[in-house]
Amino acid sequence: MILNYEPGDKVTNPSNKEWGIGQVQSIINDKVTVNFENAGKKVINANNIELRKLGK
């Protein structure tokens, strides 16, 4: 699986819209660490949870 995220990208989690906008902190293998405005830091397995990248 190729992830099209890099640190600094803004993303949302369509399944948990209440988390708000998140910023990608790091990517290690399939684990994406995102700091969300309403939910704090989350480590997301990109194989199980879809993140939607926001336009720049």
N, C-alpha and C. Protein backbone atom coordinates (compact mmCIF):
# COMPACT_ATOMS: atom_id res chain seq x y z
N MET A 1 0.85 -1.19 0.00
CA MET A 1 0.00 0.00 0.00
C MET A 1 0.89 1.24 0.00
N ILE A 2 0.60 2.15 -0.89
CA ILE A 2 1.35 3.41 -0.96
C ILE A 2 0.48 4.50 -0.36
N LEU A 3 1.03 5.17 0.65
CA LEU A 3 0.30 6.25 1.30
C LEU A 3 0.69 7.56 0.64
N ASN A 4 -0.29 8.40 0.39
CA ASN A 4 0.00 9.68 -0.26
C ASN A 4 -0.03 10.83 0.76
N TYR A 5 0.42 10.54 1.97
CA TYR A 5 0.50 11.56 3.01
C TYR A 5 1.96 11.83 3.32
N GLU A 6 2.23 13.04 3.79
CA GLU A 6 3.55 13.36 4.31
C GLU A 6 3.36 14.30 5.49
N PRO A 7 4.35 14.36 6.39
CA PRO A 7 4.20 15.23 7.56
C PRO A 7 3.85 16.66 7.15
N GLY A 8 2.89 17.21 7.87
CA GLY A 8 2.41 18.57 7.58
C GLY A 8 1.11 18.60 6.81
N ASP A 9 0.76 17.49 6.14
CA ASP A 9 -0.50 17.45 5.39
C ASP A 9 -1.69 17.56 6.33
N LYS A 10 -2.74 18.24 5.88
CA LYS A 10 -4.00 18.34 6.62
C LYS A 10 -4.93 17.25 6.13
N VAL A 11 -5.56 16.54 7.08
CA VAL A 11 -6.43 15.42 6.74
C VAL A 11 -7.68 15.45 7.62
N THR A 12 -8.69 14.69 7.19
CA THR A 12 -9.86 14.44 8.03
C THR A 12 -10.11 12.94 8.03
N ASN A 13 -10.85 12.49 9.03
CA ASN A 13 -11.27 11.10 9.10
C ASN A 13 -12.78 11.10 8.85
N PRO A 14 -13.22 10.70 7.66
CA PRO A 14 -14.65 10.75 7.33
C PRO A 14 -15.52 9.95 8.29
N SER A 15 -14.97 8.94 8.94
CA SER A 15 -15.74 8.12 9.88
C SER A 15 -15.92 8.82 11.22
N ASN A 16 -15.05 9.80 11.52
CA ASN A 16 -15.09 10.52 12.79
C ASN A 16 -14.94 12.01 12.54
N LYS A 17 -15.93 12.57 11.87
CA LYS A 17 -15.85 14.00 11.50
C LYS A 17 -15.72 14.91 12.71
N GLU A 18 -16.22 14.45 13.87
CA GLU A 18 -16.14 15.28 15.08
C GLU A 18 -14.69 15.49 15.54
N TRP A 19 -13.76 14.70 15.05
CA TRP A 19 -12.35 14.90 15.39
C TRP A 19 -11.83 16.20 14.81
N GLY A 20 -12.45 16.69 13.75
CA GLY A 20 -12.02 17.93 13.11
C GLY A 20 -10.86 17.68 12.15
N ILE A 21 -10.16 18.75 11.83
CA ILE A 21 -9.04 18.68 10.91
C ILE A 21 -7.80 18.24 11.68
N GLY A 22 -7.05 17.35 11.06
CA GLY A 22 -5.82 16.86 11.67
C GLY A 22 -4.62 17.19 10.82
N GLN A 23 -3.46 17.21 11.46
CA GLN A 23 -2.20 17.42 10.74
C GLN A 23 -1.33 16.19 10.93
N VAL A 24 -0.86 15.64 9.81
CA VAL A 24 0.00 14.45 9.86
C VAL A 24 1.31 14.82 10.55
N GLN A 25 1.67 14.04 11.57
CA GLN A 25 2.91 14.26 12.31
C GLN A 25 4.03 13.35 11.79
N SER A 26 3.69 12.06 11.60
CA SER A 26 4.70 11.12 11.12
C SER A 26 4.02 9.92 10.47
N ILE A 27 4.81 9.20 9.69
CA ILE A 27 4.33 7.98 9.02
C ILE A 27 5.42 6.93 9.18
N ILE A 28 5.06 5.81 9.81
CA ILE A 28 5.98 4.69 9.96
C ILE A 28 5.24 3.45 9.48
N ASN A 29 5.71 2.90 8.36
CA ASN A 29 5.04 1.77 7.72
C ASN A 29 3.60 2.17 7.41
N ASP A 30 2.61 1.45 7.97
CA ASP A 30 1.20 1.77 7.71
C ASP A 30 0.58 2.61 8.82
N LYS A 31 1.38 3.04 9.77
CA LYS A 31 0.88 3.82 10.92
C LYS A 31 1.09 5.31 10.67
N VAL A 32 -0.01 6.04 10.69
CA VAL A 32 0.04 7.48 10.46
C VAL A 32 -0.34 8.17 11.78
N THR A 33 0.55 8.98 12.31
CA THR A 33 0.26 9.74 13.53
C THR A 33 -0.28 11.10 13.12
N VAL A 34 -1.49 11.40 13.61
CA VAL A 34 -2.18 12.63 13.24
C VAL A 34 -2.60 13.36 14.51
N ASN A 35 -2.38 14.66 14.55
CA ASN A 35 -2.83 15.49 15.66
C ASN A 35 -4.12 16.21 15.23
N PHE A 36 -5.26 15.75 15.78
CA PHE A 36 -6.56 16.31 15.42
C PHE A 36 -6.93 17.46 16.36
N GLU A 37 -7.60 18.47 15.83
CA GLU A 37 -7.95 19.66 16.62
C GLU A 37 -8.91 19.35 17.76
N ASN A 38 -9.80 18.38 17.61
CA ASN A 38 -10.79 18.08 18.65
C ASN A 38 -10.55 16.76 19.37
N ALA A 39 -9.59 15.97 18.90
CA ALA A 39 -9.39 14.63 19.49
C ALA A 39 -7.96 14.38 19.91
N GLY A 40 -7.08 15.33 19.67
CA GLY A 40 -5.68 15.14 20.05
C GLY A 40 -4.95 14.20 19.11
N LYS A 41 -3.88 13.63 19.61
CA LYS A 41 -3.01 12.78 18.79
C LYS A 41 -3.58 11.38 18.67
N LYS A 42 -3.66 10.90 17.45
CA LYS A 42 -4.15 9.55 17.17
C LYS A 42 -3.15 8.85 16.26
N VAL A 43 -2.89 7.57 16.56
CA VAL A 43 -2.09 6.73 15.66
C VAL A 43 -3.08 5.88 14.88
N ILE A 44 -3.07 6.04 13.57
CA ILE A 44 -4.07 5.42 12.71
C ILE A 44 -3.40 4.38 11.82
N ASN A 45 -4.00 3.19 11.79
CA ASN A 45 -3.54 2.15 10.87
C ASN A 45 -4.20 2.43 9.52
N ALA A 46 -3.40 2.82 8.56
CA ALA A 46 -3.93 3.23 7.25
C ALA A 46 -4.57 2.07 6.50
N ASN A 47 -4.32 0.84 6.93
CA ASN A 47 -4.99 -0.31 6.30
C ASN A 47 -6.44 -0.43 6.74
N ASN A 48 -6.77 0.13 7.92
CA ASN A 48 -8.11 -0.04 8.49
C ASN A 48 -8.95 1.22 8.47
N ILE A 49 -8.33 2.38 8.46
CA ILE A 49 -9.06 3.64 8.55
C ILE A 49 -8.65 4.54 7.39
N GLU A 50 -9.66 5.08 6.72
CA GLU A 50 -9.40 5.98 5.60
C GLU A 50 -9.23 7.40 6.11
N LEU A 51 -8.17 8.04 5.66
CA LEU A 51 -7.99 9.48 5.90
C LEU A 51 -8.20 10.19 4.58
N ARG A 52 -8.82 11.34 4.63
CA ARG A 52 -9.04 12.12 3.42
C ARG A 52 -8.14 13.35 3.49
N LYS A 53 -7.26 13.46 2.52
CA LYS A 53 -6.33 14.58 2.46
C LYS A 53 -7.07 15.83 1.98
N LEU A 54 -6.82 16.95 2.66
CA LEU A 54 -7.44 18.20 2.27
C LEU A 54 -6.55 18.93 1.26
N GLY A 55 -7.17 19.65 0.36
CA GLY A 55 -6.40 20.41 -0.63
C GLY A 55 -5.55 21.48 0.03
N LYS A 56 -4.43 21.79 -0.61
CA LYS A 56 -3.53 22.80 -0.04
C LYS A 56 -3.85 24.16 -0.55
